[in-house]
Amino acid sequence: MTRELAKSTLERLRRKLNAEEERLVEIVEEYDKVFTEVNMGSASAERSADPNSADGGSVALELEMDLSVLENAKELLGKVRAAQNRMDNGTYGVCVVSGKNIPVERLEALPYATTRVEYADQA
């Protein structure tokens, strides 16, 4: 079942997805750079504290949080790109669980949504 969205609506949603992709790529690149520096041992002094000290524990926690942000950004980027692919192949806006159209309001709020709200926990 293909989704028949108005061309203007589809274009607006595509712009939202493209902007989100751009934002997420920047985040991923920024955090990848940080982790590359840490792994190469060339991180700044504030990120290189002794892991056995209080400062070191803080740095470890900060790196763990950074890793979480990076993983979330990568996951979200994958969802955005999958939505862009669905737009390209004509299946965008169709619930993967029920096959029914996802309401435009949901797509406006979450342009990479793959399900209707009532099926969100099943995807």
PDB file of N, CA and C in Angstrom:
ATOM      1  N   MET A   1       0.846  -1.177   0.000  1.00  0.00           N
ATOM      2  CA  MET A   1       0.000   0.000   0.000  1.00  0.00           C
ATOM      3  C   MET A   1       0.891   1.240   0.000  1.00  0.00           C
ATOM      4  N   THR A   2       0.709   2.117  -0.949  1.00  0.00           N
ATOM      5  CA  THR A   2       1.514   3.323  -1.005  1.00  0.00           C
ATOM      6  C   THR A   2       0.754   4.493  -0.412  1.00  0.00           C
ATOM      7  N   ARG A   3       1.495   5.440   0.071  1.00  0.00           N
ATOM      8  CA  ARG A   3       0.924   6.605   0.726  1.00  0.00           C
ATOM      9  C   ARG A   3       0.794   7.741  -0.279  1.00  0.00           C
ATOM     10  N   GLU A   4      -0.369   8.313  -0.383  1.00  0.00           N
ATOM     11  CA  GLU A   4      -0.598   9.451  -1.252  1.00  0.00           C
ATOM     12  C   GLU A   4      -0.644  10.725  -0.413  1.00  0.00           C
ATOM     13  N   LEU A   5       0.510  11.319  -0.193  1.00  0.00           N
ATOM     14  CA  LEU A   5       0.583  12.584   0.510  1.00  0.00           C
ATOM     15  C   LEU A   5       0.616  13.709  -0.516  1.00  0.00           C
ATOM     16  N   ALA A   6       0.069  14.859  -0.157  1.00  0.00           N
ATOM     17  CA  ALA A   6       0.154  16.013  -1.042  1.00  0.00           C
ATOM     18  C   ALA A   6       1.624  16.319  -1.297  1.00  0.00           C
ATOM     19  N   LYS A   7       1.938  16.747  -2.500  1.00  0.00           N
ATOM     20  CA  LYS A   7       3.319  17.037  -2.868  1.00  0.00           C
ATOM     21  C   LYS A   7       3.938  18.057  -1.914  1.00  0.00           C
ATOM     22  N   SER A   8       3.183  19.087  -1.546  1.00  0.00           N
ATOM     23  CA  SER A   8       3.703  20.113  -0.638  1.00  0.00           C
ATOM     24  C   SER A   8       3.994  19.523   0.749  1.00  0.00           C
ATOM     25  N   THR A   9       3.157  18.621   1.216  1.00  0.00           N
ATOM     26  CA  THR A   9       3.362  17.972   2.517  1.00  0.00           C
ATOM     27  C   THR A   9       4.609  17.097   2.462  1.00  0.00           C
ATOM     28  N   LEU A  10       4.726  16.326   1.404  1.00  0.00           N
ATOM     29  CA  LEU A  10       5.889  15.454   1.242  1.00  0.00           C
ATOM     30  C   LEU A  10       7.179  16.276   1.175  1.00  0.00           C
ATOM     31  N   GLU A  11       7.136  17.376   0.443  1.00  0.00           N
ATOM     32  CA  GLU A  11       8.321  18.234   0.339  1.00  0.00           C
ATOM     33  C   GLU A  11       8.681  18.843   1.696  1.00  0.00           C
ATOM     34  N   ARG A  12       7.690  19.271   2.456  1.00  0.00           N
ATOM     35  CA  ARG A  12       7.926  19.834   3.780  1.00  0.00           C
ATOM     36  C   ARG A  12       8.546  18.788   4.706  1.00  0.00           C
ATOM     37  N   LEU A  13       8.008  17.583   4.662  1.00  0.00           N
ATOM     38  CA  LEU A  13       8.540  16.510   5.502  1.00  0.00           C
ATOM     39  C   LEU A  13       9.942  16.112   5.055  1.00  0.00           C
ATOM     40  N   ARG A  14      10.195  16.130   3.768  1.00  0.00           N
ATOM     41  CA  ARG A  14      11.538  15.817   3.255  1.00  0.00           C
ATOM     42  C   ARG A  14      12.542  16.870   3.750  1.00  0.00           C
ATOM     43  N   ARG A  15      12.137  18.140   3.736  1.00  0.00           N
ATOM     44  CA  ARG A  15      13.022  19.190   4.242  1.00  0.00           C
ATOM     45  C   ARG A  15      13.329  18.973   5.724  1.00  0.00           C
ATOM     46  N   LYS A  16      12.319  18.572   6.497  1.00  0.00           N
ATOM     47  CA  LYS A  16      12.529  18.285   7.920  1.00  0.00           C
ATOM     48  C   LYS A  16      13.515  17.128   8.092  1.00  0.00           C
ATOM     49  N   LEU A  17      13.329  16.088   7.307  1.00  0.00           N
ATOM     50  CA  LEU A  17      14.233  14.938   7.388  1.00  0.00           C
ATOM     51  C   LEU A  17      15.650  15.327   6.978  1.00  0.00           C
ATOM     52  N   ASN A  18      15.774  16.111   5.919  1.00  0.00           N
ATOM     53  CA  ASN A  18      17.101  16.527   5.461  1.00  0.00           C
ATOM     54  C   ASN A  18      17.806  17.383   6.508  1.00  0.00           C
ATOM     55  N   ALA A  19      17.057  18.289   7.137  1.00  0.00           N
ATOM     56  CA  ALA A  19      17.637  19.129   8.192  1.00  0.00           C
ATOM     57  C   ALA A  19      18.061  18.275   9.388  1.00  0.00           C
ATOM     58  N   GLU A  20      17.231  17.308   9.737  1.00  0.00           N
ATOM     59  CA  GLU A  20      17.560  16.419  10.860  1.00  0.00           C
ATOM     60  C   GLU A  20      18.783  15.568  10.511  1.00  0.00           C
ATOM     61  N   GLU A  21      18.857  15.095   9.277  1.00  0.00           N
ATOM     62  CA  GLU A  21      20.025  14.315   8.855  1.00  0.00           C
ATOM     63  C   GLU A  21      21.290  15.160   8.982  1.00  0.00           C
ATOM     64  N   GLU A  22      21.235  16.380   8.515  1.00  0.00           N
ATOM     65  CA  GLU A  22      22.389  17.278   8.586  1.00  0.00           C
ATOM     66  C   GLU A  22      22.821  17.504  10.040  1.00  0.00           C
ATOM     67  N   ARG A  23      21.858  17.753  10.913  1.00  0.00           N
ATOM     68  CA  ARG A  23      22.141  17.972  12.323  1.00  0.00           C
ATOM     69  C   ARG A  23      22.782  16.734  12.960  1.00  0.00           C
ATOM     70  N   LEU A  24      22.237  15.571  12.647  1.00  0.00           N
ATOM     71  CA  LEU A  24      22.752  14.337  13.234  1.00  0.00           C
ATOM     72  C   LEU A  24      24.133  13.984  12.702  1.00  0.00           C
ATOM     73  N   VAL A  25      24.377  14.232  11.429  1.00  0.00           N
ATOM     74  CA  VAL A  25      25.706  13.975  10.859  1.00  0.00           C
ATOM     75  C   VAL A  25      26.743  14.829  11.578  1.00  0.00           C
ATOM     76  N   GLU A  26      26.408  16.086  11.859  1.00  0.00           N
ATOM     77  CA  GLU A  26      27.327  16.958  12.591  1.00  0.00           C
ATOM     78  C   GLU A  26      27.619  16.402  13.980  1.00  0.00           C
ATOM     79  N   ILE A  27      26.588  15.933  14.658  1.00  0.00           N
ATOM     80  CA  ILE A  27      26.779  15.364  16.000  1.00  0.00           C
ATOM     81  C   ILE A  27      27.665  14.129  15.932  1.00  0.00           C
ATOM     82  N   VAL A  28      27.373  13.236  14.996  1.00  0.00           N
ATOM     83  CA  VAL A  28      28.153  12.001  14.862  1.00  0.00           C
ATOM     84  C   VAL A  28      29.609  12.330  14.553  1.00  0.00           C
ATOM     85  N   GLU A  29      29.836  13.251  13.636  1.00  0.00           N
ATOM     86  CA  GLU A  29      31.213  13.604  13.291  1.00  0.00           C
ATOM     87  C   GLU A  29      31.945  14.214  14.485  1.00  0.00           C
ATOM     88  N   GLU A  30      31.257  15.071  15.233  1.00  0.00           N
ATOM     89  CA  GLU A  30      31.867  15.707  16.404  1.00  0.00           C
ATOM     90  C   GLU A  30      32.253  14.662  17.449  1.00  0.00           C
ATOM     91  N   TYR A  31      31.336  13.759  17.755  1.00  0.00           N
ATOM     92  CA  TYR A  31      31.623  12.762  18.780  1.00  0.00           C
ATOM     93  C   TYR A  31      32.606  11.702  18.287  1.00  0.00           C
ATOM     94  N   ASP A  32      32.556  11.362  17.009  1.00  0.00           N
ATOM     95  CA  ASP A  32      33.554  10.437  16.459  1.00  0.00           C
ATOM     96  C   ASP A  32      34.953  11.029  16.609  1.00  0.00           C
ATOM     97  N   LYS A  33      35.067  12.334  16.382  1.00  0.00           N
ATOM     98  CA  LYS A  33      36.359  13.011  16.521  1.00  0.00           C
ATOM     99  C   LYS A  33      36.845  12.925  17.969  1.00  0.00           C
ATOM    100  N   VAL A  34      35.947  13.177  18.913  1.00  0.00           N
ATOM    101  CA  VAL A  34      36.311  13.104  20.330  1.00  0.00           C
ATOM    102  C   VAL A  34      36.816  11.708  20.677  1.00  0.00           C
ATOM    103  N   PHE A  35      36.097  10.684  20.239  1.00  0.00           N
ATOM    104  CA  PHE A  35      36.493   9.320  20.594  1.00  0.00           C
ATOM    105  C   PHE A  35      37.750   8.889  19.862  1.00  0.00           C
ATOM    106  N   THR A  36      37.967   9.398  18.669  1.00  0.00           N
ATOM    107  CA  THR A  36      39.216   9.114  17.965  1.00  0.00           C
ATOM    108  C   THR A  36      40.380   9.710  18.736  1.00  0.00           C
ATOM    109  N   GLU A  37      40.212  10.943  19.212  1.00  0.00           N
ATOM    110  CA  GLU A  37      41.264  11.586  19.999  1.00  0.00           C
ATOM    111  C   GLU A  37      41.531  10.820  21.288  1.00  0.00           C
ATOM    112  N   VAL A  38      40.471  10.403  21.948  1.00  0.00           N
ATOM    113  CA  VAL A  38      40.634   9.654  23.198  1.00  0.00           C
ATOM    114  C   VAL A  38      41.352   8.337  22.925  1.00  0.00           C
ATOM    115  N   ASN A  39      40.932   7.634  21.887  1.00  0.00           N
ATOM    116  CA  ASN A  39      41.542   6.344  21.567  1.00  0.00           C
ATOM    117  C   ASN A  39      42.993   6.476  21.132  1.00  0.00           C
ATOM    118  N   MET A  40      43.336   7.603  20.529  1.00  0.00           N
ATOM    119  CA  MET A  40      44.716   7.810  20.080  1.00  0.00           C
ATOM    120  C   MET A  40      45.585   8.374  21.193  1.00  0.00           C
ATOM    121  N   GLY A  41      44.973   8.659  22.335  1.00  0.00           N
ATOM    122  CA  GLY A  41      45.740   9.172  23.457  1.00  0.00           C
ATOM    123  C   GLY A  41      46.103  10.639  23.318  1.00  0.00           C
ATOM    124  N   SER A  42      45.462  11.343  22.381  1.00  0.00           N
ATOM    125  CA  SER A  42      45.799  12.752  22.192  1.00  0.00           C
ATOM    126  C   SER A  42      44.686  13.659  22.686  1.00  0.00           C
ATOM    127  N   ALA A  43      43.900  13.168  23.628  1.00  0.00           N
ATOM    128  CA  ALA A  43      42.812  13.978  24.177  1.00  0.00           C
ATOM    129  C   ALA A  43      43.393  15.094  25.031  1.00  0.00           C
ATOM    130  N   SER A  44      42.593  16.093  25.236  1.00  0.00           N
ATOM    131  CA  SER A  44      43.031  17.214  26.065  1.00  0.00           C
ATOM    132  C   SER A  44      43.268  16.759  27.496  1.00  0.00           C
ATOM    133  N   ALA A  45      43.979  17.564  28.253  1.00  0.00           N
ATOM    134  CA  ALA A  45      44.311  17.209  29.638  1.00  0.00           C
ATOM    135  C   ALA A  45      43.059  16.992  30.469  1.00  0.00           C
ATOM    136  N   GLU A  46      42.006  17.742  30.216  1.00  0.00           N
ATOM    137  CA  GLU A  46      40.805  17.571  31.036  1.00  0.00           C
ATOM    138  C   GLU A  46      40.106  16.246  30.768  1.00  0.00           C
ATOM    139  N   ARG A  47      40.388  15.604  29.654  1.00  0.00           N
ATOM    140  CA  ARG A  47      39.811  14.301  29.357  1.00  0.00           C
ATOM    141  C   ARG A  47      40.796  13.173  29.645  1.00  0.00           C
ATOM    142  N   SER A  48      41.987  13.511  30.129  1.00  0.00           N
ATOM    143  CA  SER A  48      43.024  12.509  30.334  1.00  0.00           C
ATOM    144  C   SER A  48      43.374  12.305  31.807  1.00  0.00           C
ATOM    145  N   ALA A  49      42.478  12.646  32.677  1.00  0.00           N
ATOM    146  CA  ALA A  49      42.752  12.515  34.114  1.00  0.00           C
ATOM    147  C   ALA A  49      42.933  11.061  34.503  1.00  0.00           C
ATOM    148  N   ASP A  50      43.636  10.856  35.630  1.00  0.00           N
ATOM    149  CA  ASP A  50      43.859   9.525  36.176  1.00  0.00           C
ATOM    150  C   ASP A  50      42.506   8.886  36.481  1.00  0.00           C
ATOM    151  N   PRO A  51      42.231   7.703  35.923  1.00  0.00           N
ATOM    152  CA  PRO A  51      40.923   7.085  36.142  1.00  0.00           C
ATOM    153  C   PRO A  51      40.652   6.708  37.588  1.00  0.00           C
ATOM    154  N   ASN A  52      41.701   6.649  38.417  1.00  0.00           N
ATOM    155  CA  ASN A  52      41.513   6.304  39.826  1.00  0.00           C
ATOM    156  C   ASN A  52      41.215   7.517  40.695  1.00  0.00           C
ATOM    157  N   SER A  53      41.320   8.716  40.140  1.00  0.00           N
ATOM    158  CA  SER A  53      41.043   9.928  40.905  1.00  0.00           C
ATOM    159  C   SER A  53      39.578  10.323  40.717  1.00  0.00           C
ATOM    160  N   ALA A  54      39.147  11.282  41.545  1.00  0.00           N
ATOM    161  CA  ALA A  54      37.777  11.790  41.405  1.00  0.00           C
ATOM    162  C   ALA A  54      37.587  12.422  40.042  1.00  0.00           C
ATOM    163  N   ASP A  55      38.600  13.166  39.585  1.00  0.00           N
ATOM    164  CA  ASP A  55      38.523  13.772  38.255  1.00  0.00           C
ATOM    165  C   ASP A  55      38.437  12.696  37.174  1.00  0.00           C
ATOM    166  N   GLY A  56      39.194  11.645  37.365  1.00  0.00           N
ATOM    167  CA  GLY A  56      39.178  10.548  36.393  1.00  0.00           C
ATOM    168  C   GLY A  56      37.817   9.890  36.309  1.00  0.00           C
ATOM    169  N   GLY A  57      37.166   9.741  37.456  1.00  0.00           N
ATOM    170  CA  GLY A  57      35.814   9.177  37.468  1.00  0.00           C
ATOM    171  C   GLY A  57      34.840  10.071  36.734  1.00  0.00           C
ATOM    172  N   SER A  58      34.998  11.375  36.910  1.00  0.00           N
ATOM    173  CA  SER A  58      34.147  12.339  36.207  1.00  0.00           C
ATOM    174  C   SER A  58      34.377  12.261  34.709  1.00  0.00           C
ATOM    175  N   VAL A  59      35.638  12.138  34.323  1.00  0.00           N
ATOM    176  CA  VAL A  59      35.964  12.034  32.898  1.00  0.00           C
ATOM    177  C   VAL A  59      35.367  10.758  32.328  1.00  0.00           C
ATOM    178  N   ALA A  60      35.484   9.674  33.071  1.00  0.00           N
ATOM    179  CA  ALA A  60      34.918   8.402  32.597  1.00  0.00           C
ATOM    180  C   ALA A  60      33.409   8.513  32.430  1.00  0.00           C
ATOM    181  N   LEU A  61      32.744   9.157  33.379  1.00  0.00           N
ATOM    182  CA  LEU A  61      31.295   9.350  33.285  1.00  0.00           C
ATOM    183  C   LEU A  61      30.952  10.226  32.085  1.00  0.00           C
ATOM    184  N   GLU A  62      31.723  11.287  31.896  1.00  0.00           N
ATOM    185  CA  GLU A  62      31.484  12.178  30.756  1.00  0.00           C
ATOM    186  C   GLU A  62      31.658  11.426  29.433  1.00  0.00           C
ATOM    187  N   LEU A  63      32.688  10.603  29.345  1.00  0.00           N
ATOM    188  CA  LEU A  63      32.909   9.823  28.118  1.00  0.00           C
ATOM    189  C   LEU A  63      31.785   8.817  27.892  1.00  0.00           C
ATOM    190  N   GLU A  64      31.302   8.223  28.975  1.00  0.00           N
ATOM    191  CA  GLU A  64      30.189   7.281  28.865  1.00  0.00           C
ATOM    192  C   GLU A  64      28.933   7.987  28.357  1.00  0.00           C
ATOM    193  N   MET A  65      28.692   9.188  28.873  1.00  0.00           N
ATOM    194  CA  MET A  65      27.536   9.963  28.414  1.00  0.00           C
ATOM    195  C   MET A  65      27.714  10.372  26.952  1.00  0.00           C
ATOM    196  N   ASP A  66      28.937  10.756  26.586  1.00  0.00           N
ATOM    197  CA  ASP A  66      29.218  11.107  25.192  1.00  0.00           C
ATOM    198  C   ASP A  66      28.974   9.915  24.277  1.00  0.00           C
ATOM    199  N   LEU A  67      29.383   8.739  24.720  1.00  0.00           N
ATOM    200  CA  LEU A  67      29.179   7.533  23.929  1.00  0.00           C
ATOM    201  C   LEU A  67      27.688   7.265  23.746  1.00  0.00           C
ATOM    202  N   SER A  68      26.908   7.495  24.786  1.00  0.00           N
ATOM    203  CA  SER A  68      25.466   7.311  24.701  1.00  0.00           C
ATOM    204  C   SER A  68      24.856   8.284  23.692  1.00  0.00           C
ATOM    205  N   VAL A  69      25.294   9.536  23.731  1.00  0.00           N
ATOM    206  CA  VAL A  69      24.812  10.530  22.767  1.00  0.00           C
ATOM    207  C   VAL A  69      25.168  10.088  21.351  1.00  0.00           C
ATOM    208  N   LEU A  70      26.395   9.637  21.158  1.00  0.00           N
ATOM    209  CA  LEU A  70      26.843   9.184  19.842  1.00  0.00           C
ATOM    210  C   LEU A  70      26.007   8.010  19.347  1.00  0.00           C
ATOM    211  N   GLU A  71      25.785   7.024  20.198  1.00  0.00           N
ATOM    212  CA  GLU A  71      25.000   5.854  19.801  1.00  0.00           C
ATOM    213  C   GLU A  71      23.562   6.252  19.458  1.00  0.00           C
ATOM    214  N   ASN A  72      22.971   7.138  20.259  1.00  0.00           N
ATOM    215  CA  ASN A  72      21.608   7.600  19.980  1.00  0.00           C
ATOM    216  C   ASN A  72      21.541   8.369  18.669  1.00  0.00           C
ATOM    217  N   ALA A  73      22.534   9.226  18.427  1.00  0.00           N
ATOM    218  CA  ALA A  73      22.556  10.003  17.186  1.00  0.00           C
ATOM    219  C   ALA A  73      22.690   9.078  15.981  1.00  0.00           C
ATOM    220  N   LYS A  74      23.538   8.066  16.079  1.00  0.00           N
ATOM    221  CA  LYS A  74      23.701   7.116  14.971  1.00  0.00           C
ATOM    222  C   LYS A  74      22.408   6.339  14.719  1.00  0.00           C
ATOM    223  N   GLU A  75      21.742   5.923  15.784  1.00  0.00           N
ATOM    224  CA  GLU A  75      20.483   5.192  15.641  1.00  0.00           C
ATOM    225  C   GLU A  75      19.423   6.074  14.982  1.00  0.00           C
ATOM    226  N   LEU A  76      19.319   7.300  15.448  1.00  0.00           N
ATOM    227  CA  LEU A  76      18.348   8.232  14.885  1.00  0.00           C
ATOM    228  C   LEU A  76      18.678   8.560  13.441  1.00  0.00           C
ATOM    229  N   LEU A  77      19.950   8.716  13.127  1.00  0.00           N
ATOM    230  CA  LEU A  77      20.371   8.974  11.749  1.00  0.00           C
ATOM    231  C   LEU A  77      19.946   7.820  10.836  1.00  0.00           C
ATOM    232  N   GLY A  78      20.073   6.617  11.315  1.00  0.00           N
ATOM    233  CA  GLY A  78      19.617   5.461  10.536  1.00  0.00           C
ATOM    234  C   GLY A  78      18.118   5.516  10.272  1.00  0.00           C
ATOM    235  N   LYS A  79      17.349   5.942  11.273  1.00  0.00           N
ATOM    236  CA  LYS A  79      15.896   6.057  11.103  1.00  0.00           C
ATOM    237  C   LYS A  79      15.541   7.150  10.106  1.00  0.00           C
ATOM    238  N   VAL A  80      16.266   8.265  10.175  1.00  0.00           N
ATOM    239  CA  VAL A  80      16.024   9.366   9.244  1.00  0.00           C
ATOM    240  C   VAL A  80      16.323   8.921   7.819  1.00  0.00           C
ATOM    241  N   ARG A  81      17.441   8.261   7.623  1.00  0.00           N
ATOM    242  CA  ARG A  81      17.819   7.806   6.277  1.00  0.00           C
ATOM    243  C   ARG A  81      16.861   6.740   5.756  1.00  0.00           C
ATOM    244  N   ALA A  82      16.369   5.895   6.647  1.00  0.00           N
ATOM    245  CA  ALA A  82      15.374   4.903   6.229  1.00  0.00           C
ATOM    246  C   ALA A  82      14.083   5.592   5.791  1.00  0.00           C
ATOM    247  N   ALA A  83      13.691   6.650   6.494  1.00  0.00           N
ATOM    248  CA  ALA A  83      12.496   7.407   6.107  1.00  0.00           C
ATOM    249  C   ALA A  83      12.700   8.068   4.747  1.00  0.00           C
ATOM    250  N   GLN A  84      13.890   8.602   4.512  1.00  0.00           N
ATOM    251  CA  GLN A  84      14.187   9.197   3.210  1.00  0.00           C
ATOM    252  C   GLN A  84      14.086   8.145   2.103  1.00  0.00           C
ATOM    253  N   ASN A  85      14.566   6.945   2.383  1.00  0.00           N
ATOM    254  CA  ASN A  85      14.461   5.854   1.407  1.00  0.00           C
ATOM    255  C   ASN A  85      13.005   5.479   1.147  1.00  0.00           C
ATOM    256  N   ARG A  86      12.190   5.462   2.216  1.00  0.00           N
ATOM    257  CA  ARG A  86      10.773   5.164   2.035  1.00  0.00           C
ATOM    258  C   ARG A  86      10.103   6.231   1.184  1.00  0.00           C
ATOM    259  N   MET A  87      10.514   7.475   1.356  1.00  0.00           N
ATOM    260  CA  MET A  87       9.979   8.544   0.506  1.00  0.00           C
ATOM    261  C   MET A  87      10.319   8.269  -0.958  1.00  0.00           C
ATOM    262  N   ASP A  88      11.557   7.864  -1.178  1.00  0.00           N
ATOM    263  CA  ASP A  88      12.016   7.616  -2.542  1.00  0.00           C
ATOM    264  C   ASP A  88      11.294   6.441  -3.198  1.00  0.00           C
ATOM    265  N   ASN A  89      10.932   5.430  -2.399  1.00  0.00           N
ATOM    266  CA  ASN A  89      10.298   4.252  -3.000  1.00  0.00           C
ATOM    267  C   ASN A  89       8.774   4.230  -2.849  1.00  0.00           C
ATOM    268  N   GLY A  90       8.212   5.324  -2.315  1.00  0.00           N
ATOM    269  CA  GLY A  90       6.759   5.451  -2.274  1.00  0.00           C
ATOM    270  C   GLY A  90       6.056   4.765  -1.125  1.00  0.00           C
ATOM    271  N   THR A  91       6.785   4.353  -0.109  1.00  0.00           N
ATOM    272  CA  THR A  91       6.150   3.686   1.038  1.00  0.00           C
ATOM    273  C   THR A  91       6.158   4.549   2.288  1.00  0.00           C
ATOM    274  N   TYR A  92       6.574   5.776   2.171  1.00  0.00           N
ATOM    275  CA  TYR A  92       6.642   6.676   3.317  1.00  0.00           C
ATOM    276  C   TYR A  92       5.240   6.969   3.844  1.00  0.00           C
ATOM    277  N   GLY A  93       5.109   6.966   5.162  1.00  0.00           N
ATOM    278  CA  GLY A  93       3.832   7.310   5.783  1.00  0.00           C
ATOM    279  C   GLY A  93       2.883   6.147   5.943  1.00  0.00           C
ATOM    280  N   VAL A  94       3.367   4.936   5.694  1.00  0.00           N
ATOM    281  CA  VAL A  94       2.545   3.735   5.857  1.00  0.00           C
ATOM    282  C   VAL A  94       3.059   2.962   7.066  1.00  0.00           C
ATOM    283  N   CYS A  95       2.182   2.641   7.979  1.00  0.00           N
ATOM    284  CA  CYS A  95       2.533   1.908   9.193  1.00  0.00           C
ATOM    285  C   CYS A  95       3.049   0.514   8.828  1.00  0.00           C
ATOM    286  N   VAL A  96       4.229   0.170   9.353  1.00  0.00           N
ATOM    287  CA  VAL A  96       4.813  -1.131   9.048  1.00  0.00           C
ATOM    288  C   VAL A  96       4.100  -2.276   9.761  1.00  0.00           C
ATOM    289  N   VAL A  97       3.296  -1.960  10.770  1.00  0.00           N
ATOM    290  CA  VAL A  97       2.574  -2.994  11.506  1.00  0.00           C
ATOM    291  C   VAL A  97       1.197  -3.228  10.898  1.00  0.00           C
ATOM    292  N   SER A  98       0.449  -2.160  10.703  1.00  0.00           N
ATOM    293  CA  SER A  98      -0.939  -2.299  10.262  1.00  0.00           C
ATOM    294  C   SER A  98      -1.140  -2.103   8.767  1.00  0.00           C
ATOM    295  N   GLY A  99      -0.191  -1.453   8.110  1.00  0.00           N
ATOM    296  CA  GLY A  99      -0.357  -1.143   6.694  1.00  0.00           C
ATOM    297  C   GLY A  99      -1.254   0.063   6.452  1.00  0.00           C
ATOM    298  N   LYS A 100      -1.732   0.683   7.529  1.00  0.00           N
ATOM    299  CA  LYS A 100      -2.582   1.872   7.403  1.00  0.00           C
ATOM    300  C   LYS A 100      -1.708   3.115   7.325  1.00  0.00           C
ATOM    301  N   ASN A 101      -2.294   4.190   6.814  1.00  0.00           N
ATOM    302  CA  ASN A 101      -1.570   5.450   6.739  1.00  0.00           C
ATOM    303  C   ASN A 101      -1.298   6.017   8.128  1.00  0.00           C
ATOM    304  N   ILE A 102      -0.092   6.526   8.309  1.00  0.00           N
ATOM    305  CA  ILE A 102       0.276   7.225   9.542  1.00  0.00           C
ATOM    306  C   ILE A 102      -0.276   8.643   9.417  1.00  0.00           C
ATOM    307  N   PRO A 103      -0.990   9.130  10.403  1.00  0.00           N
ATOM    308  CA  PRO A 103      -1.536  10.492  10.314  1.00  0.00           C
ATOM    309  C   PRO A 103      -0.434  11.524  10.073  1.00  0.00           C
ATOM    310  N   VAL A 104      -0.749  12.513   9.260  1.00  0.00           N
ATOM    311  CA  VAL A 104       0.213  13.564   8.926  1.00  0.00           C
ATOM    312  C   VAL A 104       0.705  14.263  10.189  1.00  0.00           C
ATOM    313  N   GLU A 105      -0.166  14.436  11.171  1.00  0.00           N
ATOM    314  CA  GLU A 105       0.234  15.084  12.415  1.00  0.00           C
ATOM    315  C   GLU A 105       1.381  14.332  13.085  1.00  0.00           C
ATOM    316  N   ARG A 106       1.328  13.014  13.050  1.00  0.00           N
ATOM    317  CA  ARG A 106       2.408  12.215  13.635  1.00  0.00           C
ATOM    318  C   ARG A 106       3.681  12.374  12.819  1.00  0.00           C
ATOM    319  N   LEU A 107       3.550  12.387  11.511  1.00  0.00           N
ATOM    320  CA  LEU A 107       4.725  12.553  10.658  1.00  0.00           C
ATOM    321  C   LEU A 107       5.338  13.945  10.838  1.00  0.00           C
ATOM    322  N   GLU A 108       4.501  14.938  11.075  1.00  0.00           N
ATOM    323  CA  GLU A 108       5.012  16.288  11.333  1.00  0.00           C
ATOM    324  C   GLU A 108       5.832  16.295  12.620  1.00  0.00           C
ATOM    325  N   ALA A 109       5.354  15.616  13.637  1.00  0.00           N
ATOM    326  CA  ALA A 109       6.036  15.571  14.926  1.00  0.00           C
ATOM    327  C   ALA A 109       7.250  14.650  14.900  1.00  0.00           C
ATOM    328  N   LEU A 110       7.152  13.561  14.166  1.00  0.00           N
ATOM    329  CA  LEU A 110       8.188  12.537  14.121  1.00  0.00           C
ATOM    330  C   LEU A 110       8.313  12.058  12.674  1.00  0.00           C
ATOM    331  N   PRO A 111       9.004  12.807  11.832  1.00  0.00           N
ATOM    332  CA  PRO A 111       9.000  12.512  10.393  1.00  0.00           C
ATOM    333  C   PRO A 111       9.596  11.163  10.008  1.00  0.00           C
ATOM    334  N   TYR A 112      10.291  10.522  10.913  1.00  0.00           N
ATOM    335  CA  TYR A 112      10.853   9.204  10.621  1.00  0.00           C
ATOM    336  C   TYR A 112      10.008   8.078  11.227  1.00  0.00           C
ATOM    337  N   ALA A 113       8.808   8.408  11.681  1.00  0.00           N
ATOM    338  CA  ALA A 113       7.927   7.392  12.276  1.00  0.00           C
ATOM    339  C   ALA A 113       7.638   6.277  11.281  1.00  0.00           C
ATOM    340  N   THR A 114       7.596   5.060  11.793  1.00  0.00           N
ATOM    341  CA  THR A 114       7.285   3.907  10.946  1.00  0.00           C
ATOM    342  C   THR A 114       5.950   3.271  11.309  1.00  0.00           C
ATOM    343  N   THR A 115       5.355   3.766  12.401  1.00  0.00           N
ATOM    344  CA  THR A 115       4.092   3.180  12.857  1.00  0.00           C
ATOM    345  C   THR A 115       3.106   4.261  13.275  1.00  0.00           C
ATOM    346  N   ARG A 116       1.863   3.866  13.309  1.00  0.00           N
ATOM    347  CA  ARG A 116       0.841   4.703  13.925  1.00  0.00           C
ATOM    348  C   ARG A 116       1.091   4.667  15.437  1.00  0.00           C
ATOM    349  N   VAL A 117       0.573   5.647  16.156  1.00  0.00           N
ATOM    350  CA  VAL A 117       0.805   5.734  17.602  1.00  0.00           C
ATOM    351  C   VAL A 117       0.390   4.439  18.304  1.00  0.00           C
ATOM    352  N   GLU A 118      -0.750   3.882  17.953  1.00  0.00           N
ATOM    353  CA  GLU A 118      -1.227   2.701  18.661  1.00  0.00           C
ATOM    354  C   GLU A 118      -0.357   1.457  18.453  1.00  0.00           C
ATOM    355  N   TYR A 119       0.548   1.508  17.466  1.00  0.00           N
ATOM    356  CA  TYR A 119       1.434   0.362  17.208  1.00  0.00           C
ATOM    357  C   TYR A 119       2.892   0.688  17.520  1.00  0.00           C
ATOM    358  N   ALA A 120       3.146   1.827  18.134  1.00  0.00           N
ATOM    359  CA  ALA A 120       4.515   2.292  18.356  1.00  0.00           C
ATOM    360  C   ALA A 120       5.355   1.291  19.164  1.00  0.00           C
ATOM    361  N   ASP A 121       4.738   0.576  20.071  1.00  0.00           N
ATOM    362  CA  ASP A 121       5.496  -0.373  20.888  1.00  0.00           C
ATOM    363  C   ASP A 121       5.697  -1.729  20.205  1.00  0.00           C
ATOM    364  N   GLN A 122       5.187  -1.870  18.993  1.00  0.00           N
ATOM    365  CA  GLN A 122       5.290  -3.156  18.289  1.00  0.00           C
ATOM    366  C   GLN A 122       6.343  -3.159  17.174  1.00  0.00           C
ATOM    367  N   ALA A 123       6.928  -2.023  16.915  1.00  0.00           N
ATOM    368  CA  ALA A 123       7.898  -1.951  15.811  1.00  0.00           C
ATOM    369  C   ALA A 123       9.316  -2.126  16.279  1.00  0.00           C
TER     370      ALA A 123
END
